[in-house]
């Protein structure tokens, strides 16, 4: 499995400035970037929708535990072989290959998901759902 891993460290001020830039270097919008919410710094997709991690996943295992109905409620953040990332993500960015052969983006080994219940950019309605779903910081830590 070929995995793109990039570890970038940036000061908080740089993270605020970089949140608006693509960081991909080729004009493409990054798949994930940092943004700020009432919870603090969070990771969002290219449309500004909050990204989440699932506590039943094991970071670094290369597997997702969310399929079928779970994946309908929590769509995966699909990744290409070359994952465009923003310079304001300070955690290790990579991808896994799912059971169906598709690729899913990871942050610090955690597979990333959207929440179907978040209908607008910046919403956090999936945060702490069922005690299993958490928004994630740009460093790859689960938010409290």
N, C-alpha and C. Protein backbone atom coordinates (compact mmCIF):
# COMPACT_ATOMS: atom_id res chain seq x y z
N UNK A 1 0.84 -1.17 0.00
CA UNK A 1 0.00 0.00 0.00
C UNK A 1 0.88 1.23 0.00
N UNK A 2 0.65 2.08 -0.97
CA UNK A 2 1.40 3.33 -1.04
C UNK A 2 0.64 4.37 -0.25
N UNK A 3 1.28 4.96 0.69
CA UNK A 3 0.64 5.96 1.55
C UNK A 3 1.46 7.23 1.51
N UNK A 4 0.77 8.33 1.29
CA UNK A 4 1.43 9.63 1.32
C UNK A 4 1.39 10.13 2.74
N UNK A 5 2.55 10.37 3.32
CA UNK A 5 2.62 10.86 4.69
C UNK A 5 3.39 12.16 4.69
N UNK A 6 2.76 13.15 5.20
CA UNK A 6 3.40 14.46 5.28
C UNK A 6 3.20 14.98 6.69
N UNK A 7 4.25 15.35 7.33
CA UNK A 7 4.13 15.97 8.64
C UNK A 7 4.61 17.40 8.52
N UNK A 8 3.71 18.30 8.79
CA UNK A 8 4.03 19.72 8.68
C UNK A 8 3.79 20.39 10.02
N UNK A 9 4.71 21.23 10.43
CA UNK A 9 4.55 21.94 11.69
C UNK A 9 4.44 23.43 11.37
N UNK A 10 3.44 24.06 11.95
CA UNK A 10 3.26 25.50 11.71
C UNK A 10 2.85 26.17 13.01
N UNK A 11 3.26 27.38 13.19
CA UNK A 11 2.85 28.16 14.36
C UNK A 11 1.38 28.51 14.23
N UNK A 12 0.74 28.80 15.33
CA UNK A 12 -0.69 29.09 15.31
C UNK A 12 -1.02 30.26 14.39
N UNK A 13 -0.20 31.28 14.39
CA UNK A 13 -0.46 32.42 13.51
C UNK A 13 -0.39 32.02 12.05
N UNK A 14 0.56 31.16 11.71
CA UNK A 14 0.67 30.68 10.34
C UNK A 14 -0.55 29.85 9.98
N UNK A 15 -1.05 29.05 10.92
CA UNK A 15 -2.23 28.23 10.66
C UNK A 15 -3.44 29.11 10.33
N UNK A 16 -3.58 30.22 11.06
CA UNK A 16 -4.70 31.12 10.78
C UNK A 16 -4.58 31.71 9.38
N UNK A 17 -3.39 32.10 8.99
CA UNK A 17 -3.17 32.69 7.68
C UNK A 17 -3.35 31.67 6.58
N UNK A 18 -2.85 30.46 6.79
CA UNK A 18 -2.87 29.43 5.75
C UNK A 18 -4.24 28.83 5.54
N UNK A 19 -5.18 29.02 6.46
CA UNK A 19 -6.48 28.38 6.34
C UNK A 19 -7.20 28.75 5.06
N UNK A 20 -6.92 29.90 4.49
CA UNK A 20 -7.59 30.32 3.28
C UNK A 20 -6.88 29.87 2.01
N UNK A 21 -5.62 29.48 2.09
CA UNK A 21 -4.87 29.08 0.91
C UNK A 21 -5.03 27.62 0.59
N UNK A 22 -4.77 27.22 -0.65
CA UNK A 22 -4.95 25.82 -1.04
C UNK A 22 -3.86 24.95 -0.48
N UNK A 23 -2.63 25.41 -0.44
CA UNK A 23 -1.55 24.61 0.08
C UNK A 23 -1.16 23.47 -0.81
N UNK A 24 -1.91 23.19 -1.85
CA UNK A 24 -1.62 22.06 -2.72
C UNK A 24 -0.52 22.39 -3.71
N UNK A 25 -0.33 23.66 -3.98
CA UNK A 25 0.74 24.07 -4.87
C UNK A 25 0.42 23.93 -6.35
N UNK A 26 -0.73 23.35 -6.70
CA UNK A 26 -1.05 23.16 -8.11
C UNK A 26 -2.41 23.75 -8.46
N UNK A 27 -2.96 24.60 -7.59
CA UNK A 27 -4.23 25.25 -7.87
C UNK A 27 -5.44 24.43 -7.44
N UNK A 28 -5.25 23.17 -7.05
CA UNK A 28 -6.36 22.36 -6.58
C UNK A 28 -6.64 22.68 -5.12
N UNK A 29 -7.91 22.67 -4.75
CA UNK A 29 -8.30 22.87 -3.35
C UNK A 29 -7.88 21.63 -2.56
N UNK A 30 -7.29 21.82 -1.38
CA UNK A 30 -6.90 20.65 -0.58
C UNK A 30 -8.12 19.88 -0.12
N UNK A 31 -7.96 18.58 0.08
CA UNK A 31 -9.05 17.75 0.57
C UNK A 31 -9.42 18.11 1.99
N UNK A 32 -8.44 18.54 2.78
CA UNK A 32 -8.70 18.90 4.17
C UNK A 32 -7.82 20.08 4.55
N UNK A 33 -8.34 20.89 5.48
CA UNK A 33 -7.61 22.06 5.94
C UNK A 33 -8.15 22.44 7.32
N UNK A 34 -7.46 23.31 8.01
CA UNK A 34 -7.89 23.77 9.32
C UNK A 34 -8.83 24.95 9.17
N UNK A 35 -9.75 25.03 10.11
CA UNK A 35 -10.67 26.16 10.20
C UNK A 35 -10.91 26.40 11.69
N UNK A 36 -11.59 27.48 12.02
CA UNK A 36 -11.85 27.77 13.42
C UNK A 36 -13.35 27.77 13.68
N UNK A 37 -13.73 27.20 14.82
CA UNK A 37 -15.13 27.09 15.23
C UNK A 37 -15.22 27.41 16.71
N UNK A 38 -16.42 27.28 17.26
CA UNK A 38 -16.60 27.50 18.70
C UNK A 38 -15.82 26.48 19.51
N UNK A 39 -15.44 25.35 18.90
CA UNK A 39 -14.64 24.32 19.57
C UNK A 39 -13.15 24.60 19.45
N UNK A 40 -12.77 25.62 18.69
CA UNK A 40 -11.36 25.92 18.44
C UNK A 40 -10.99 25.49 17.03
N UNK A 41 -9.72 25.17 16.83
CA UNK A 41 -9.26 24.75 15.50
C UNK A 41 -9.79 23.35 15.20
N UNK A 42 -10.41 23.19 14.02
CA UNK A 42 -10.94 21.90 13.58
C UNK A 42 -10.49 21.64 12.15
N UNK A 43 -10.61 20.39 11.72
CA UNK A 43 -10.30 20.03 10.34
C UNK A 43 -11.61 19.99 9.56
N UNK A 44 -11.59 20.60 8.39
CA UNK A 44 -12.76 20.64 7.51
C UNK A 44 -12.36 20.15 6.12
N UNK A 45 -13.37 19.77 5.32
CA UNK A 45 -13.09 19.37 3.94
C UNK A 45 -13.00 20.61 3.06
N UNK A 46 -12.85 20.40 1.77
CA UNK A 46 -12.66 21.52 0.84
C UNK A 46 -13.89 22.43 0.77
N UNK A 47 -15.06 21.94 1.21
CA UNK A 47 -16.28 22.75 1.24
C UNK A 47 -16.52 23.41 2.59
N UNK A 48 -15.63 23.17 3.54
CA UNK A 48 -15.77 23.76 4.86
C UNK A 48 -16.59 22.93 5.83
N UNK A 49 -16.97 21.70 5.43
CA UNK A 49 -17.72 20.82 6.32
C UNK A 49 -16.77 20.12 7.29
N UNK A 50 -17.20 20.03 8.54
CA UNK A 50 -16.40 19.43 9.60
C UNK A 50 -16.08 17.97 9.29
N UNK A 51 -14.84 17.57 9.61
CA UNK A 51 -14.43 16.17 9.49
C UNK A 51 -14.33 15.55 10.87
N UNK A 52 -14.64 14.27 10.93
CA UNK A 52 -14.73 13.56 12.20
C UNK A 52 -13.90 12.28 12.17
N UNK A 53 -13.59 11.78 13.37
CA UNK A 53 -12.98 10.46 13.52
C UNK A 53 -13.94 9.59 14.34
N UNK A 54 -13.81 8.28 14.17
CA UNK A 54 -14.67 7.29 14.80
C UNK A 54 -13.85 6.54 15.84
N UNK A 55 -14.26 6.60 17.10
CA UNK A 55 -13.48 5.98 18.19
C UNK A 55 -13.34 4.47 18.04
N UNK A 56 -14.20 3.83 17.24
CA UNK A 56 -14.07 2.38 17.04
C UNK A 56 -12.96 2.04 16.05
N UNK A 57 -12.52 3.03 15.27
CA UNK A 57 -11.36 2.82 14.40
C UNK A 57 -10.11 2.80 15.26
N UNK A 58 -9.12 2.07 14.83
CA UNK A 58 -7.84 2.04 15.52
C UNK A 58 -6.84 2.83 14.68
N UNK A 59 -6.36 3.98 15.20
CA UNK A 59 -5.43 4.77 14.40
C UNK A 59 -4.20 3.96 14.01
N UNK A 60 -3.83 4.07 12.75
CA UNK A 60 -2.65 3.38 12.24
C UNK A 60 -2.89 1.94 11.83
N UNK A 61 -4.11 1.43 12.00
CA UNK A 61 -4.39 0.03 11.65
C UNK A 61 -4.55 -0.16 10.15
N UNK A 62 -4.81 0.94 9.42
CA UNK A 62 -5.05 0.82 7.99
C UNK A 62 -6.45 0.35 7.65
N UNK A 63 -7.35 0.35 8.66
CA UNK A 63 -8.72 -0.14 8.45
C UNK A 63 -9.74 0.86 8.97
N UNK A 64 -10.92 0.80 8.37
CA UNK A 64 -12.08 1.54 8.85
C UNK A 64 -13.08 0.53 9.40
N UNK A 65 -13.78 0.92 10.44
CA UNK A 65 -14.83 0.08 11.02
C UNK A 65 -16.22 0.58 10.62
N UNK A 66 -16.30 1.52 9.69
CA UNK A 66 -17.56 2.14 9.30
C UNK A 66 -17.92 1.77 7.86
N UNK A 67 -18.91 0.89 7.72
CA UNK A 67 -19.41 0.45 6.41
C UNK A 67 -20.93 0.43 6.42
N UNK A 68 -21.52 0.19 5.27
CA UNK A 68 -22.97 0.03 5.12
C UNK A 68 -23.73 1.22 5.69
N UNK A 69 -24.67 0.98 6.63
CA UNK A 69 -25.49 2.07 7.18
C UNK A 69 -24.61 3.13 7.85
N UNK A 70 -23.58 2.69 8.54
CA UNK A 70 -22.66 3.64 9.17
C UNK A 70 -22.09 4.59 8.12
N UNK A 71 -21.63 4.05 7.00
CA UNK A 71 -21.01 4.88 5.96
C UNK A 71 -22.03 5.76 5.24
N UNK A 72 -23.30 5.41 5.29
CA UNK A 72 -24.32 6.30 4.72
C UNK A 72 -24.51 7.52 5.63
N UNK A 73 -24.45 7.33 6.93
CA UNK A 73 -24.57 8.44 7.87
C UNK A 73 -23.26 9.21 8.03
N UNK A 74 -22.15 8.51 7.84
CA UNK A 74 -20.81 9.08 8.03
C UNK A 74 -19.98 8.82 6.77
N UNK A 75 -20.24 9.55 5.68
CA UNK A 75 -19.48 9.33 4.44
C UNK A 75 -17.99 9.56 4.65
N UNK A 76 -17.19 8.74 4.00
CA UNK A 76 -15.74 8.85 4.14
C UNK A 76 -15.22 10.04 3.36
N UNK A 77 -14.06 10.55 3.78
CA UNK A 77 -13.36 11.57 3.01
C UNK A 77 -12.48 10.82 2.03
N UNK A 78 -12.93 10.75 0.79
CA UNK A 78 -12.20 10.01 -0.23
C UNK A 78 -10.86 10.68 -0.51
N UNK A 79 -9.86 9.87 -0.82
CA UNK A 79 -8.52 10.38 -1.11
C UNK A 79 -8.04 9.84 -2.44
N UNK A 80 -7.22 10.61 -3.11
CA UNK A 80 -6.53 10.16 -4.30
C UNK A 80 -5.16 9.66 -3.88
N UNK A 81 -4.43 9.05 -4.81
CA UNK A 81 -3.08 8.58 -4.47
C UNK A 81 -2.20 9.73 -4.02
N UNK A 82 -2.32 10.86 -4.69
CA UNK A 82 -1.58 12.05 -4.28
C UNK A 82 -2.56 12.94 -3.53
N UNK A 83 -2.46 12.95 -2.22
CA UNK A 83 -3.40 13.67 -1.38
C UNK A 83 -3.00 15.13 -1.26
N UNK A 84 -3.78 16.06 -1.86
CA UNK A 84 -3.46 17.47 -1.65
C UNK A 84 -3.85 17.87 -0.23
N UNK A 85 -2.92 18.49 0.47
CA UNK A 85 -3.18 18.89 1.85
C UNK A 85 -2.83 20.36 2.02
N UNK A 86 -3.36 20.93 3.06
CA UNK A 86 -3.07 22.31 3.39
C UNK A 86 -1.91 22.34 4.38
N UNK A 87 -1.10 23.36 4.29
CA UNK A 87 0.06 23.50 5.17
C UNK A 87 -0.35 23.70 6.62
N UNK A 88 -1.62 23.97 6.89
CA UNK A 88 -2.03 24.20 8.26
C UNK A 88 -2.48 22.94 8.98
N UNK A 89 -2.36 21.77 8.36
CA UNK A 89 -2.58 20.52 9.07
C UNK A 89 -1.24 20.08 9.63
N UNK A 90 -1.17 19.95 10.94
CA UNK A 90 0.11 19.62 11.56
C UNK A 90 0.26 18.15 11.88
N UNK A 91 -0.82 17.37 11.75
CA UNK A 91 -0.75 15.93 11.95
C UNK A 91 -0.27 15.24 10.68
N UNK A 92 0.06 13.96 10.79
CA UNK A 92 0.51 13.17 9.64
C UNK A 92 -0.69 12.82 8.76
N UNK A 93 -0.64 13.22 7.50
CA UNK A 93 -1.72 12.99 6.55
C UNK A 93 -1.37 11.78 5.70
N UNK A 94 -2.34 10.91 5.50
CA UNK A 94 -2.13 9.72 4.68
C UNK A 94 -3.45 9.20 4.16
N UNK A 95 -3.48 7.94 3.78
CA UNK A 95 -4.71 7.33 3.31
C UNK A 95 -4.67 5.84 3.57
N UNK A 96 -5.85 5.23 3.58
CA UNK A 96 -5.97 3.78 3.70
C UNK A 96 -6.77 3.29 2.50
N UNK A 97 -6.67 2.00 2.24
CA UNK A 97 -7.50 1.37 1.21
C UNK A 97 -8.62 0.64 1.93
N UNK A 98 -9.86 1.00 1.60
CA UNK A 98 -11.03 0.38 2.23
C UNK A 98 -11.30 -0.99 1.61
N UNK A 99 -12.16 -1.76 2.23
CA UNK A 99 -12.47 -3.12 1.78
C UNK A 99 -12.97 -3.14 0.34
N UNK A 100 -13.63 -2.05 -0.11
CA UNK A 100 -14.14 -2.01 -1.49
C UNK A 100 -13.10 -1.50 -2.49
N UNK A 101 -11.88 -1.25 -2.02
CA UNK A 101 -10.80 -0.78 -2.90
C UNK A 101 -10.68 0.73 -3.00
N UNK A 102 -11.64 1.47 -2.46
CA UNK A 102 -11.55 2.93 -2.49
C UNK A 102 -10.55 3.40 -1.44
N UNK A 103 -10.11 4.64 -1.59
CA UNK A 103 -9.13 5.21 -0.65
C UNK A 103 -9.82 6.22 0.25
N UNK A 104 -9.39 6.25 1.50
CA UNK A 104 -9.93 7.18 2.49
C UNK A 104 -8.78 7.93 3.13
N UNK A 105 -8.93 9.24 3.25
CA UNK A 105 -7.89 10.07 3.85
C UNK A 105 -7.82 9.83 5.35
N UNK A 106 -6.60 9.91 5.90
CA UNK A 106 -6.39 9.76 7.35
C UNK A 106 -5.60 10.95 7.89
N UNK A 107 -5.75 11.18 9.17
CA UNK A 107 -4.96 12.17 9.88
C UNK A 107 -4.45 11.51 11.15
N UNK A 108 -3.14 11.43 11.29
CA UNK A 108 -2.50 10.69 12.40
C UNK A 108 -3.02 9.27 12.48
N UNK A 109 -3.28 8.67 11.32
CA UNK A 109 -3.73 7.29 11.26
C UNK A 109 -5.23 7.10 11.45
N UNK A 110 -5.95 8.16 11.83
CA UNK A 110 -7.40 8.08 12.00
C UNK A 110 -8.08 8.29 10.65
N UNK A 111 -8.91 7.36 10.18
CA UNK A 111 -9.71 7.61 8.97
C UNK A 111 -10.65 8.80 9.22
N UNK A 112 -10.85 9.63 8.20
CA UNK A 112 -11.68 10.83 8.32
C UNK A 112 -13.03 10.65 7.63
N UNK A 113 -14.07 11.22 8.27
CA UNK A 113 -15.45 11.11 7.80
C UNK A 113 -16.14 12.47 7.86
N UNK A 114 -17.19 12.60 7.05
CA UNK A 114 -18.12 13.72 7.17
C UNK A 114 -19.34 13.19 7.94
N UNK A 115 -20.25 14.08 8.34
CA UNK A 115 -21.50 13.66 8.96
C UNK A 115 -22.65 14.11 8.08
N UNK A 116 -23.52 13.19 7.69
CA UNK A 116 -24.64 13.52 6.81
C UNK A 116 -25.57 14.56 7.43
N UNK A 117 -25.60 14.64 8.75
CA UNK A 117 -26.45 15.61 9.44
C UNK A 117 -25.92 17.03 9.41
N UNK A 118 -24.66 17.22 9.06
CA UNK A 118 -24.10 18.57 8.91
C UNK A 118 -24.47 19.05 7.51
N UNK A 119 -25.36 20.03 7.44
CA UNK A 119 -25.82 20.49 6.13
C UNK A 119 -25.15 21.77 5.65
N UNK A 120 -24.41 22.43 6.54
CA UNK A 120 -23.76 23.68 6.17
C UNK A 120 -22.32 23.68 6.68
N UNK A 121 -21.44 24.40 5.99
CA UNK A 121 -20.06 24.50 6.46
C UNK A 121 -19.98 24.97 7.90
N UNK A 122 -19.07 24.38 8.65
CA UNK A 122 -18.83 24.79 10.02
C UNK A 122 -19.74 24.15 11.07
N UNK A 123 -20.78 23.44 10.64
CA UNK A 123 -21.64 22.77 11.62
C UNK A 123 -20.86 21.67 12.33
N UNK A 124 -21.20 21.44 13.58
CA UNK A 124 -20.56 20.41 14.40
C UNK A 124 -21.58 19.47 15.02
N UNK A 125 -22.70 19.22 14.34
CA UNK A 125 -23.75 18.41 14.95
C UNK A 125 -23.34 16.94 15.13
N UNK A 126 -22.28 16.50 14.48
CA UNK A 126 -21.81 15.14 14.66
C UNK A 126 -20.86 14.97 15.83
N UNK A 127 -20.37 16.09 16.37
CA UNK A 127 -19.38 16.02 17.45
C UNK A 127 -19.98 15.37 18.69
N UNK A 128 -19.32 14.32 19.18
CA UNK A 128 -19.69 13.56 20.37
C UNK A 128 -20.93 12.70 20.17
N UNK A 129 -21.37 12.51 18.91
CA UNK A 129 -22.51 11.64 18.62
C UNK A 129 -22.22 10.25 19.16
N UNK A 130 -23.16 9.69 19.88
CA UNK A 130 -23.06 8.33 20.43
C UNK A 130 -21.78 8.12 21.24
N UNK A 131 -21.11 9.18 21.62
CA UNK A 131 -19.86 9.05 22.36
C UNK A 131 -18.75 8.43 21.53
N UNK A 132 -18.97 8.33 20.20
CA UNK A 132 -18.01 7.65 19.32
C UNK A 132 -17.44 8.53 18.22
N UNK A 133 -18.07 9.64 17.93
CA UNK A 133 -17.66 10.48 16.81
C UNK A 133 -17.16 11.82 17.34
N UNK A 134 -15.99 12.23 16.87
CA UNK A 134 -15.39 13.47 17.37
C UNK A 134 -14.80 14.28 16.24
N UNK A 135 -15.02 15.61 16.32
CA UNK A 135 -14.30 16.51 15.43
C UNK A 135 -12.83 16.39 15.81
N UNK A 136 -11.96 16.73 14.87
CA UNK A 136 -10.53 16.52 15.08
C UNK A 136 -9.78 17.84 14.86
N UNK A 137 -8.70 18.00 15.63
CA UNK A 137 -7.87 19.21 15.50
C UNK A 137 -6.91 19.05 14.33
N UNK A 138 -6.30 20.15 13.86
CA UNK A 138 -5.31 20.07 12.78
C UNK A 138 -4.11 19.19 13.12
N UNK A 139 -3.88 18.96 14.42
CA UNK A 139 -2.78 18.08 14.84
C UNK A 139 -3.21 16.62 14.87
N UNK A 140 -4.50 16.36 14.63
CA UNK A 140 -5.01 14.99 14.63
C UNK A 140 -5.52 14.50 15.97
N UNK A 141 -5.73 15.41 16.92
CA UNK A 141 -6.27 15.05 18.24
C UNK A 141 -7.79 15.20 18.24
N UNK A 142 -8.45 14.30 18.96
CA UNK A 142 -9.89 14.39 19.11
C UNK A 142 -10.22 15.59 19.99
N UNK A 143 -11.23 16.37 19.60
CA UNK A 143 -11.63 17.51 20.40
C UNK A 143 -12.43 17.04 21.60
N UNK A 144 -12.35 17.77 22.71
CA UNK A 144 -13.11 17.39 23.91
C UNK A 144 -14.61 17.55 23.72
